[in-house]
């Protein structure tokens, strides 16, 4: 018999697909940022799959926040290095 429950990645894809109307409503200059959020959710999907959360959207949102924090850390480190010069 096959799988009866959807995997986290399937939940993630369904959740991200449900956000398509939001992306469509965004201005063109904001769509790239929105797409980066979606990429963050995918890049941390391996971690999200370990969290057997009753609401599979929660790990997706946490992954998006984590992706933003990672990018912010990289930019802060870059600014610090430039200020040291």
Protein backbone atom coordinates (compact mmCIF):
# COMPACT_ATOMS: atom_id res chain seq x y z
CA UNK A 1 0.00 0.00 0.00
CA UNK A 2 1.07 3.54 -0.60
CA UNK A 3 1.46 6.51 1.61
CA UNK A 4 -1.75 7.74 3.23
CA UNK A 5 -0.40 10.99 4.63
CA UNK A 6 1.13 13.72 2.55
CA UNK A 7 4.82 14.45 3.11
CA UNK A 8 5.99 17.77 4.47
CA UNK A 9 7.30 18.74 1.05
CA UNK A 10 3.87 18.07 -0.44
CA UNK A 11 2.28 20.24 2.25
CA UNK A 12 4.90 22.89 1.56
CA UNK A 13 4.20 22.89 -2.17
CA UNK A 14 0.46 23.09 -1.54
CA UNK A 15 0.96 25.99 0.86
CA UNK A 16 3.23 27.86 -1.54
CA UNK A 17 0.80 27.26 -4.40
CA UNK A 18 -1.97 28.74 -2.28
CA UNK A 19 0.09 31.95 -2.14
CA UNK A 20 0.10 32.45 -5.92
CA UNK A 21 -2.75 35.01 -5.82
CA UNK A 22 -0.73 37.10 -3.37
CA UNK A 23 2.30 37.00 -5.66
CA UNK A 24 0.15 37.95 -8.61
CA UNK A 25 -1.23 40.96 -6.70
CA UNK A 26 2.25 42.22 -5.78
CA UNK A 27 4.01 44.91 -7.72
CA UNK A 28 6.66 43.62 -10.06
CA UNK A 29 9.50 44.99 -7.92
CA UNK A 30 8.21 43.03 -4.89
CA UNK A 31 7.77 39.69 -6.62
CA UNK A 32 11.48 38.90 -6.48
CA UNK A 33 11.48 39.31 -2.70
CA UNK A 34 8.41 37.12 -2.46
CA UNK A 35 10.11 34.45 -4.57
CA UNK A 36 13.12 34.59 -2.26
CA UNK A 37 10.83 33.86 0.68
CA UNK A 38 9.50 30.82 -1.15
CA UNK A 39 13.06 29.68 -1.85
CA UNK A 40 13.87 30.01 1.85
CA UNK A 41 10.99 27.71 2.67
CA UNK A 42 12.31 25.14 0.20
CA UNK A 43 15.92 25.43 1.34
CA UNK A 44 14.98 24.53 4.92
CA UNK A 45 12.41 21.88 4.01
CA UNK A 46 14.67 19.14 5.35
CA UNK A 47 14.45 20.70 8.82
CA UNK A 48 10.73 21.36 8.53
CA UNK A 49 10.08 17.73 7.76
CA UNK A 50 11.47 16.77 11.17
CA UNK A 51 8.89 18.90 12.94
CA UNK A 52 5.70 16.88 12.95
CA UNK A 53 3.58 19.98 13.49
CA UNK A 54 -0.21 19.81 13.40
CA UNK A 55 -0.17 22.84 11.10
CA UNK A 56 2.37 22.21 8.32
CA UNK A 57 2.33 25.89 7.41
CA UNK A 58 4.11 26.80 10.64
CA UNK A 59 7.46 25.20 9.69
CA UNK A 60 7.16 26.90 6.28
CA UNK A 61 6.81 30.31 7.88
CA UNK A 62 9.63 29.60 10.33
CA UNK A 63 11.82 28.58 7.37
CA UNK A 64 11.02 31.86 5.63
CA UNK A 65 11.93 33.82 8.76
CA UNK A 66 15.12 31.79 9.16
CA UNK A 67 16.08 32.52 5.55
CA UNK A 68 15.60 36.23 6.16
CA UNK A 69 17.67 36.06 9.36
CA UNK A 70 20.45 34.23 7.53
CA UNK A 71 20.52 36.88 4.81
CA UNK A 72 20.52 39.66 7.42
CA UNK A 73 23.44 38.01 9.26
CA UNK A 74 25.40 37.81 6.01
CA UNK A 75 24.78 41.49 5.29
CA UNK A 76 25.70 42.52 8.84
CA UNK A 77 28.97 40.58 8.59
CA UNK A 78 29.70 42.17 5.25
CA UNK A 79 29.12 45.67 6.66
CA UNK A 80 31.39 44.89 9.63
CA UNK A 81 34.18 43.73 7.30
CA UNK A 82 33.82 46.85 5.18
CA UNK A 83 33.89 49.10 8.25
CA UNK A 84 37.12 47.45 9.42
CA UNK A 85 38.93 48.46 6.23
